[in-house]
Amino acid sequence: MAEQTALADTRPEDGGKPDAAVVRDALGVGVAVGLSGFAFGVTSAGSGLTLLQTCALSLLVFTGASQFALVGALAAGGNPLTAAAGAFFLGVRNAFYGLRLSQLLALPRAVRPFAAQWVIDETTAVTLAQPTRRSARIGFAVTGLSLYVLWNLTTLLGALGASAIGDTDAWGLDAAGPAVFLALLAPMLKTTTERVVAGLAVVLGLGLLPVLPAGVPVLVAALAAPAVLWLQGRRGGTSRNDPEEEAR
C-alpha cells in the first residue's frame, strides 16, 4: 500500500518532484553517458567492424557494456560466437530491470515494446530514483530519448573518425565504456552480498584473461552471483540447523 501511494500519478503541486528537476537530472545522465558512444564507435571500427555494423549495434542492441564486450572480444581475436555469448549474458540484466520498471511505470500495453528498447542501466537508475510514477515516467523518457539519440550520433562520429585518430589502444578509448558502467554500478552496491558478488566477478574476469580465450572470462565471471548466493544459502541453512552457532 505504501508503495502504491508513493508511485501515484502525483503532480509537483501535490508534493511530487518538480518536472523541471526530473528533466534536468535525466538530461545530465543522458548527455554524460551518451557522449561515450564516441569511444564505442572508435573501438568498434578499430576492431574491424564496418561502419554499418557499428551503427547497427548501437541502433538495435543499445546496451553499452554488452557492445563494448562484443567488440573487445572480437578485437582480441575471440571467436564471434563466444563474443556474442558474453555480450548476451551481460545484456540479460536488462530483462530483470524490465520486470521492475514495468511495475513502476505501468505504461500502456501498446507502448511497452518500444519502451523496452530503452531499458538499460542509466534509465533504470534515473527511474528508480524518482518518488512518484509521474516523475519516474518523465525520467525514463527523457533519459532514454537523450541517451539513445546521443549514443547513436556519437557512435557514427566515432566510427567515421577512427581512421583520423589512429591507434585506439594508445588513446585508451576502449576503457571508456567499462569505466562509465562501473561508475554507475558502484553506488548501487549497498549490501555485503552485492559487494562480494562484484568483487568475485572482477577476480574471475581479470584472473582468467591470460588463460582463457577472449570473451570466455566474461562468461565465467557471470557465475559469481549464483556461487555467492549458493554459499550464502548454505551458511543460512547451517545456522538454522545449529542452535549453538545461531546463539553465537
C-alpha atoms as a PDB file:
ATOM      1  CA  MET A   1       0.000   0.000   0.000  1.00  0.00           C
ATOM      2  CA  ALA A   2       2.815   2.389   0.854  1.00  0.00           C
ATOM      3  CA  GLU A   3       4.482   1.706  -2.478  1.00  0.00           C
ATOM      4  CA  GLN A   4       1.249   2.274  -4.369  1.00  0.00           C
ATOM      5  CA  THR A   5       0.831   5.612  -2.617  1.00  0.00           C
ATOM      6  CA  ALA A   6       4.403   6.623  -3.352  1.00  0.00           C
ATOM      7  CA  LEU A   7       4.011   5.747  -7.012  1.00  0.00           C
ATOM      8  CA  ALA A   8       0.737   7.515  -7.576  1.00  0.00           C
ATOM      9  CA  ASP A   9       0.490   9.886 -10.522  1.00  0.00           C
ATOM     10  CA  THR A  10       1.028  12.919  -8.313  1.00  0.00           C
ATOM     11  CA  ARG A  11       1.986  16.295  -9.680  1.00  0.00           C
ATOM     12  CA  PRO A  12       4.617  18.694  -8.289  1.00  0.00           C
ATOM     13  CA  GLU A  13       1.957  20.801  -6.606  1.00  0.00           C
ATOM     14  CA  ASP A  14       0.768  17.671  -4.778  1.00  0.00           C
ATOM     15  CA  GLY A  15       4.171  17.052  -3.221  1.00  0.00           C
ATOM     16  CA  GLY A  16       5.916  15.240  -6.086  1.00  0.00           C
ATOM     17  CA  LYS A  17       9.309  16.184  -7.538  1.00  0.00           C
ATOM     18  CA  PRO A  18       9.145  19.200  -9.908  1.00  0.00           C
ATOM     19  CA  ASP A  19       9.121  18.153 -13.557  1.00  0.00           C
ATOM     20  CA  ALA A  20      11.955  20.579 -14.363  1.00  0.00           C
ATOM     21  CA  ALA A  21      14.185  18.940 -11.763  1.00  0.00           C
ATOM     22  CA  VAL A  22      13.467  15.474 -13.156  1.00  0.00           C
ATOM     23  CA  VAL A  23      14.224  16.626 -16.700  1.00  0.00           C
ATOM     24  CA  ARG A  24      17.456  18.297 -15.572  1.00  0.00           C
ATOM     25  CA  ASP A  25      18.688  15.178 -13.801  1.00  0.00           C
ATOM     26  CA  ALA A  26      17.660  12.897 -16.661  1.00  0.00           C
ATOM     27  CA  LEU A  27      19.366  15.093 -19.276  1.00  0.00           C
ATOM     28  CA  GLY A  28      22.504  15.178 -17.171  1.00  0.00           C
ATOM     29  CA  VAL A  29      22.743  11.393 -17.241  1.00  0.00           C
ATOM     30  CA  GLY A  30      21.705  11.117 -20.882  1.00  0.00           C
ATOM     31  CA  VAL A  31      24.232  13.659 -22.144  1.00  0.00           C
ATOM     32  CA  ALA A  32      27.120  12.472 -19.955  1.00  0.00           C
ATOM     33  CA  VAL A  33      26.761   8.816 -20.921  1.00  0.00           C
ATOM     34  CA  GLY A  34      25.628   9.462 -24.483  1.00  0.00           C
ATOM     35  CA  LEU A  35      28.925  11.132 -25.331  1.00  0.00           C
ATOM     36  CA  SER A  36      30.792   7.903 -24.556  1.00  0.00           C
ATOM     37  CA  GLY A  37      29.224   6.444 -27.695  1.00  0.00           C
ATOM     38  CA  PHE A  38      32.119   8.145 -29.490  1.00  0.00           C
ATOM     39  CA  ALA A  39      34.523   5.782 -27.731  1.00  0.00           C
ATOM     40  CA  PHE A  40      32.424   2.809 -28.775  1.00  0.00           C
ATOM     41  CA  GLY A  41      32.373   3.931 -32.392  1.00  0.00           C
ATOM     42  CA  VAL A  42      36.148   4.287 -32.447  1.00  0.00           C
ATOM     43  CA  THR A  43      36.725   0.981 -30.651  1.00  0.00           C
ATOM     44  CA  SER A  44      34.284  -0.894 -32.854  1.00  0.00           C
ATOM     45  CA  ALA A  45      35.823   0.433 -36.059  1.00  0.00           C
ATOM     46  CA  GLY A  46      39.280  -0.332 -34.691  1.00  0.00           C
ATOM     47  CA  SER A  47      38.271  -3.942 -34.028  1.00  0.00           C
ATOM     48  CA  GLY A  48      37.410  -4.450 -37.688  1.00  0.00           C
ATOM     49  CA  LEU A  49      33.648  -3.862 -37.805  1.00  0.00           C
ATOM     50  CA  THR A  50      32.303  -1.844 -40.692  1.00  0.00           C
ATOM     51  CA  LEU A  51      30.524   1.484 -40.306  1.00  0.00           C
ATOM     52  CA  LEU A  52      27.174  -0.206 -40.944  1.00  0.00           C
ATOM     53  CA  GLN A  53      27.822  -2.969 -38.404  1.00  0.00           C
ATOM     54  CA  THR A  54      28.954  -0.472 -35.774  1.00  0.00           C
ATOM     55  CA  CYS A  55      25.899   1.746 -36.194  1.00  0.00           C
ATOM     56  CA  ALA A  56      23.560  -1.271 -36.290  1.00  0.00           C
ATOM     57  CA  LEU A  57      24.881  -2.417 -32.911  1.00  0.00           C
ATOM     58  CA  SER A  58      24.055   0.923 -31.326  1.00  0.00           C
ATOM     59  CA  LEU A  59      20.669   1.231 -33.023  1.00  0.00           C
ATOM     60  CA  LEU A  60      19.450  -2.305 -32.351  1.00  0.00           C
ATOM     61  CA  VAL A  61      21.366  -3.560 -29.309  1.00  0.00           C
ATOM     62  CA  PHE A  62      21.753  -0.272 -27.414  1.00  0.00           C
ATOM     63  CA  THR A  63      23.344  -1.544 -24.233  1.00  0.00           C
ATOM     64  CA  GLY A  64      26.800  -0.089 -23.840  1.00  0.00           C
ATOM     65  CA  ALA A  65      28.514  -2.709 -21.678  1.00  0.00           C
ATOM     66  CA  SER A  66      27.405  -5.543 -23.969  1.00  0.00           C
ATOM     67  CA  GLN A  67      28.513  -3.647 -27.051  1.00  0.00           C
ATOM     68  CA  PHE A  68      31.962  -2.966 -25.609  1.00  0.00           C
ATOM     69  CA  ALA A  69      32.260  -6.603 -24.507  1.00  0.00           C
ATOM     70  CA  LEU A  70      31.436  -7.806 -28.009  1.00  0.00           C
ATOM     71  CA  VAL A  71      33.860  -5.583 -29.911  1.00  0.00           C
ATOM     72  CA  GLY A  72      36.525  -6.034 -27.249  1.00  0.00           C
ATOM     73  CA  ALA A  73      36.406  -9.804 -27.587  1.00  0.00           C
ATOM     74  CA  LEU A  74      36.489  -9.553 -31.381  1.00  0.00           C
ATOM     75  CA  ALA A  75      39.435  -7.151 -31.259  1.00  0.00           C
ATOM     76  CA  ALA A  76      41.316  -9.628 -29.060  1.00  0.00           C
ATOM     77  CA  GLY A  77      40.803 -12.354 -31.662  1.00  0.00           C
ATOM     78  CA  GLY A  78      37.967 -14.137 -29.883  1.00  0.00           C
ATOM     79  CA  ASN A  79      35.500 -16.431 -31.602  1.00  0.00           C
ATOM     80  CA  PRO A  80      32.437 -14.454 -32.812  1.00  0.00           C
ATOM     81  CA  LEU A  81      30.067 -16.910 -31.112  1.00  0.00           C
ATOM     82  CA  THR A  82      31.908 -16.631 -27.806  1.00  0.00           C
ATOM     83  CA  ALA A  83      31.978 -12.853 -28.094  1.00  0.00           C
ATOM     84  CA  ALA A  84      28.247 -12.764 -28.822  1.00  0.00           C
ATOM     85  CA  ALA A  85      27.530 -15.105 -25.896  1.00  0.00           C
ATOM     86  CA  GLY A  86      29.431 -12.863 -23.497  1.00  0.00           C
ATOM     87  CA  ALA A  87      27.568  -9.812 -24.740  1.00  0.00           C
ATOM     88  CA  PHE A  88      24.261 -11.659 -24.442  1.00  0.00           C
ATOM     89  CA  PHE A  89      24.803 -12.644 -20.821  1.00  0.00           C
ATOM     90  CA  LEU A  90      25.773  -9.093 -19.934  1.00  0.00           C
ATOM     91  CA  GLY A  91      22.572  -7.886 -21.579  1.00  0.00           C
ATOM     92  CA  VAL A  92      20.365 -10.349 -19.681  1.00  0.00           C
ATOM     93  CA  ARG A  93      20.380  -7.965 -16.704  1.00  0.00           C
ATOM     94  CA  ASN A  94      18.148  -5.631 -18.696  1.00  0.00           C
ATOM     95  CA  ALA A  95      15.385  -8.234 -18.619  1.00  0.00           C
ATOM     96  CA  PHE A  96      15.407  -8.098 -14.824  1.00  0.00           C
ATOM     97  CA  TYR A  97      15.387  -4.306 -14.953  1.00  0.00           C
ATOM     98  CA  GLY A  98      12.328  -4.540 -17.165  1.00  0.00           C
ATOM     99  CA  LEU A  99      10.430  -6.623 -14.638  1.00  0.00           C
ATOM    100  CA  ARG A 100      10.883  -3.916 -12.024  1.00  0.00           C
ATOM    101  CA  LEU A 101      10.301  -0.947 -14.322  1.00  0.00           C
ATOM    102  CA  SER A 102       7.096  -2.429 -15.707  1.00  0.00           C
ATOM    103  CA  GLN A 103       5.603  -2.167 -12.213  1.00  0.00           C
ATOM    104  CA  LEU A 104       6.892   1.346 -11.590  1.00  0.00           C
ATOM    105  CA  LEU A 105       5.969   2.869 -14.942  1.00  0.00           C
ATOM    106  CA  ALA A 106       2.740   0.959 -15.676  1.00  0.00           C
ATOM    107  CA  LEU A 107       2.892   2.004 -19.326  1.00  0.00           C
ATOM    108  CA  PRO A 108       0.076   1.247 -21.788  1.00  0.00           C
ATOM    109  CA  ARG A 109       0.451  -2.140 -23.436  1.00  0.00           C
ATOM    110  CA  ALA A 110       0.970  -0.634 -26.902  1.00  0.00           C
ATOM    111  CA  VAL A 111       3.942   1.436 -25.683  1.00  0.00           C
ATOM    112  CA  ARG A 112       5.806  -1.318 -23.838  1.00  0.00           C
ATOM    113  CA  PRO A 113       7.594  -2.921 -26.847  1.00  0.00           C
ATOM    114  CA  PHE A 114       9.085   0.475 -27.761  1.00  0.00           C
ATOM    115  CA  ALA A 115       9.964   1.337 -24.164  1.00  0.00           C
ATOM    116  CA  ALA A 116      11.759  -1.995 -23.798  1.00  0.00           C
ATOM    117  CA  GLN A 117      14.492  -0.737 -26.134  1.00  0.00           C
ATOM    118  CA  TRP A 118      15.388   1.914 -23.550  1.00  0.00           C
ATOM    119  CA  VAL A 119      15.545  -0.389 -20.537  1.00  0.00           C
ATOM    120  CA  ILE A 120      19.247  -0.087 -19.671  1.00  0.00           C
ATOM    121  CA  ASP A 121      21.396   0.760 -16.643  1.00  0.00           C
ATOM    122  CA  GLU A 122      21.044   4.525 -16.929  1.00  0.00           C
ATOM    123  CA  THR A 123      17.290   4.716 -17.469  1.00  0.00           C
ATOM    124  CA  THR A 124      16.766   2.232 -14.650  1.00  0.00           C
ATOM    125  CA  ALA A 125      18.919   4.248 -12.248  1.00  0.00           C
ATOM    126  CA  VAL A 126      17.098   7.505 -13.018  1.00  0.00           C
ATOM    127  CA  THR A 127      13.658   5.887 -12.866  1.00  0.00           C
ATOM    128  CA  LEU A 128      14.249   4.162  -9.539  1.00  0.00           C
ATOM    129  CA  ALA A 129      15.442   7.438  -8.026  1.00  0.00           C
ATOM    130  CA  GLN A 130      12.067   9.131  -8.562  1.00  0.00           C
ATOM    131  CA  PRO A 131       9.454   9.430  -5.781  1.00  0.00           C
ATOM    132  CA  THR A 132       6.303   9.230  -7.932  1.00  0.00           C
ATOM    133  CA  ARG A 133       5.076   7.424 -11.036  1.00  0.00           C
ATOM    134  CA  ARG A 134       4.753  10.708 -12.904  1.00  0.00           C
ATOM    135  CA  SER A 135       8.386  11.686 -12.267  1.00  0.00           C
ATOM    136  CA  ALA A 136       9.503   8.112 -12.973  1.00  0.00           C
ATOM    137  CA  ARG A 137       7.874   8.225 -16.396  1.00  0.00           C
ATOM    138  CA  ILE A 138       9.403  11.602 -17.184  1.00  0.00           C
ATOM    139  CA  GLY A 139      12.830  10.479 -16.001  1.00  0.00           C
ATOM    140  CA  PHE A 140      12.664   7.283 -18.025  1.00  0.00           C
ATOM    141  CA  ALA A 141      11.501   9.011 -21.204  1.00  0.00           C
ATOM    142  CA  VAL A 142      13.968  11.917 -21.076  1.00  0.00           C
ATOM    143  CA  THR A 143      16.932   9.721 -20.160  1.00  0.00           C
ATOM    144  CA  GLY A 144      16.063   7.136 -22.796  1.00  0.00           C
ATOM    145  CA  LEU A 145      15.471   9.626 -25.609  1.00  0.00           C
ATOM    146  CA  SER A 146      18.501  11.831 -24.948  1.00  0.00           C
ATOM    147  CA  LEU A 147      20.810   8.867 -24.446  1.00  0.00           C
ATOM    148  CA  TYR A 148      19.555   6.947 -27.488  1.00  0.00           C
ATOM    149  CA  VAL A 149      19.933   9.939 -29.806  1.00  0.00           C
ATOM    150  CA  LEU A 150      23.344  10.986 -28.492  1.00  0.00           C
ATOM    151  CA  TRP A 151      24.737   7.462 -28.241  1.00  0.00           C
ATOM    152  CA  ASN A 152      23.880   6.702 -31.862  1.00  0.00           C
ATOM    153  CA  LEU A 153      25.077  10.076 -33.129  1.00  0.00           C
ATOM    154  CA  THR A 154      28.420   9.829 -31.328  1.00  0.00           C
ATOM    155  CA  THR A 155      28.785   6.187 -32.406  1.00  0.00           C
ATOM    156  CA  LEU A 156      28.546   7.346 -36.010  1.00  0.00           C
ATOM    157  CA  LEU A 157      31.025  10.177 -35.444  1.00  0.00           C
ATOM    158  CA  GLY A 158      33.430   7.870 -33.642  1.00  0.00           C
ATOM    159  CA  ALA A 159      33.334   5.258 -36.389  1.00  0.00           C
ATOM    160  CA  LEU A 160      33.878   7.914 -39.049  1.00  0.00           C
ATOM    161  CA  GLY A 161      36.740   9.485 -37.134  1.00  0.00           C
ATOM    162  CA  ALA A 162      38.502   6.230 -36.199  1.00  0.00           C
ATOM    163  CA  SER A 163      40.916   6.473 -39.108  1.00  0.00           C
ATOM    164  CA  ALA A 164      41.914  10.011 -38.145  1.00  0.00           C
ATOM    165  CA  ILE A 165      42.602   9.045 -34.528  1.00  0.00           C
ATOM    166  CA  GLY A 166      44.914   6.185 -35.409  1.00  0.00           C
ATOM    167  CA  ASP A 167      45.782   3.557 -32.818  1.00  0.00           C
ATOM    168  CA  THR A 168      42.765   3.387 -30.492  1.00  0.00           C
ATOM    169  CA  ASP A 169      44.662   1.338 -27.904  1.00  0.00           C
ATOM    170  CA  ALA A 170      47.135   4.178 -27.457  1.00  0.00           C
ATOM    171  CA  TRP A 171      44.279   6.553 -26.550  1.00  0.00           C
ATOM    172  CA  GLY A 172      42.699   4.092 -24.141  1.00  0.00           C
ATOM    173  CA  LEU A 173      39.227   4.763 -25.560  1.00  0.00           C
ATOM    174  CA  ASP A 174      38.268   1.101 -25.189  1.00  0.00           C
ATOM    175  CA  ALA A 175      38.216   1.658 -21.423  1.00  0.00           C
ATOM    176  CA  ALA A 176      35.671   4.499 -21.560  1.00  0.00           C
ATOM    177  CA  GLY A 177      32.602   2.263 -21.744  1.00  0.00           C
ATOM    178  CA  PRO A 178      33.552  -0.079 -18.893  1.00  0.00           C
ATOM    179  CA  ALA A 179      34.563   2.950 -16.799  1.00  0.00           C
ATOM    180  CA  VAL A 180      31.123   4.521 -17.238  1.00  0.00           C
ATOM    181  CA  PHE A 181      29.458   1.199 -16.417  1.00  0.00           C
ATOM    182  CA  LEU A 182      31.493   0.803 -13.222  1.00  0.00           C
ATOM    183  CA  ALA A 183      30.776   4.390 -12.184  1.00  0.00           C
ATOM    184  CA  LEU A 184      27.038   3.665 -12.411  1.00  0.00           C
ATOM    185  CA  LEU A 185      27.314   0.268 -10.742  1.00  0.00           C
ATOM    186  CA  ALA A 186      29.494   1.169  -7.754  1.00  0.00           C
ATOM    187  CA  PRO A 187      26.919   3.312  -5.879  1.00  0.00           C
ATOM    188  CA  MET A 188      24.351   0.517  -6.240  1.00  0.00           C
ATOM    189  CA  LEU A 189      26.471  -1.998  -4.306  1.00  0.00           C
ATOM    190  CA  LYS A 190      24.906  -1.345  -0.916  1.00  0.00           C
ATOM    191  CA  THR A 191      24.892  -4.771   0.735  1.00  0.00           C
ATOM    192  CA  THR A 192      27.729  -7.099   1.641  1.00  0.00           C
ATOM    193  CA  THR A 193      26.376  -9.770  -0.718  1.00  0.00           C
ATOM    194  CA  GLU A 194      26.359  -7.368  -3.661  1.00  0.00           C
ATOM    195  CA  ARG A 195      29.922  -6.270  -2.941  1.00  0.00           C
ATOM    196  CA  VAL A 196      31.124  -9.858  -2.649  1.00  0.00           C
ATOM    197  CA  VAL A 197      29.469 -10.782  -5.962  1.00  0.00           C
ATOM    198  CA  ALA A 198      31.038  -7.781  -7.689  1.00  0.00           C
ATOM    199  CA  GLY A 199      34.460  -8.479  -6.188  1.00  0.00           C
ATOM    200  CA  LEU A 200      34.402 -12.160  -7.136  1.00  0.00           C
ATOM    201  CA  ALA A 201      33.283 -11.315 -10.666  1.00  0.00           C
ATOM    202  CA  VAL A 202      36.219  -8.905 -11.046  1.00  0.00           C
ATOM    203  CA  VAL A 203      38.681 -11.507  -9.728  1.00  0.00           C
ATOM    204  CA  LEU A 204      37.331 -14.184 -12.075  1.00  0.00           C
ATOM    205  CA  GLY A 205      37.174 -11.904 -15.101  1.00  0.00           C
ATOM    206  CA  LEU A 206      40.651 -10.413 -14.728  1.00  0.00           C
ATOM    207  CA  GLY A 207      42.331 -13.533 -13.382  1.00  0.00           C
ATOM    208  CA  LEU A 208      41.214 -15.698 -16.279  1.00  0.00           C
ATOM    209  CA  LEU A 209      42.119 -13.254 -19.044  1.00  0.00           C
ATOM    210  CA  PRO A 210      45.622 -14.701 -19.565  1.00  0.00           C
ATOM    211  CA  VAL A 211      44.487 -18.335 -19.688  1.00  0.00           C
ATOM    212  CA  LEU A 212      41.134 -18.370 -21.478  1.00  0.00           C
ATOM    213  CA  PRO A 213      40.129 -17.255 -24.986  1.00  0.00           C
ATOM    214  CA  ALA A 214      38.758 -13.723 -25.395  1.00  0.00           C
ATOM    215  CA  GLY A 215      35.121 -13.464 -24.339  1.00  0.00           C
ATOM    216  CA  VAL A 216      35.164 -16.562 -22.106  1.00  0.00           C
ATOM    217  CA  PRO A 217      36.284 -14.787 -18.875  1.00  0.00           C
ATOM    218  CA  VAL A 218      33.118 -12.675 -19.015  1.00  0.00           C
ATOM    219  CA  LEU A 219      31.001 -15.827 -19.149  1.00  0.00           C
ATOM    220  CA  VAL A 220      32.834 -17.350 -16.188  1.00  0.00           C
ATOM    221  CA  ALA A 221      32.539 -14.107 -14.200  1.00  0.00           C
ATOM    222  CA  ALA A 222      28.762 -14.365 -14.541  1.00  0.00           C
ATOM    223  CA  LEU A 223      28.938 -17.420 -12.256  1.00  0.00           C
ATOM    224  CA  ALA A 224      29.899 -15.165  -9.339  1.00  0.00           C
ATOM    225  CA  ALA A 225      26.288 -14.350  -8.455  1.00  0.00           C
ATOM    226  CA  PRO A 226      24.910 -17.920  -8.231  1.00  0.00           C
ATOM    227  CA  ALA A 227      28.082 -19.069  -6.433  1.00  0.00           C
ATOM    228  CA  VAL A 228      27.817 -16.413  -3.731  1.00  0.00           C
ATOM    229  CA  LEU A 229      24.074 -16.930  -3.312  1.00  0.00           C
ATOM    230  CA  TRP A 230      24.587 -20.702  -3.024  1.00  0.00           C
ATOM    231  CA  LEU A 231      27.238 -20.251  -0.336  1.00  0.00           C
ATOM    232  CA  GLN A 232      25.032 -17.759   1.467  1.00  0.00           C
ATOM    233  CA  GLY A 233      22.159 -20.237   1.410  1.00  0.00           C
ATOM    234  CA  ARG A 234      24.417 -22.981   2.760  1.00  0.00           C
ATOM    235  CA  ARG A 235      25.549 -20.761   5.604  1.00  0.00           C
ATOM    236  CA  GLY A 236      21.971 -19.793   6.370  1.00  0.00           C
ATOM    237  CA  GLY A 237      20.936 -23.445   6.446  1.00  0.00           C
ATOM    238  CA  THR A 238      23.831 -24.345   8.735  1.00  0.00           C
ATOM    239  CA  SER A 239      22.949 -21.555  11.147  1.00  0.00           C
ATOM    240  CA  ARG A 240      19.343 -22.690  11.351  1.00  0.00           C
ATOM    241  CA  ASN A 241      20.350 -26.287  11.974  1.00  0.00           C
ATOM    242  CA  ASP A 242      22.989 -25.453  14.595  1.00  0.00           C
ATOM    243  CA  PRO A 243      21.441 -23.811  17.691  1.00  0.00           C
ATOM    244  CA  GLU A 244      24.866 -23.130  19.214  1.00  0.00           C
ATOM    245  CA  GLU A 245      26.090 -21.417  16.047  1.00  0.00           C
ATOM    246  CA  GLU A 246      22.869 -19.412  15.860  1.00  0.00           C
ATOM    247  CA  ALA A 247      23.239 -18.373  19.515  1.00  0.00           C
ATOM    248  CA  ARG A 248      26.772 -17.150  18.874  1.00  0.00           C
END
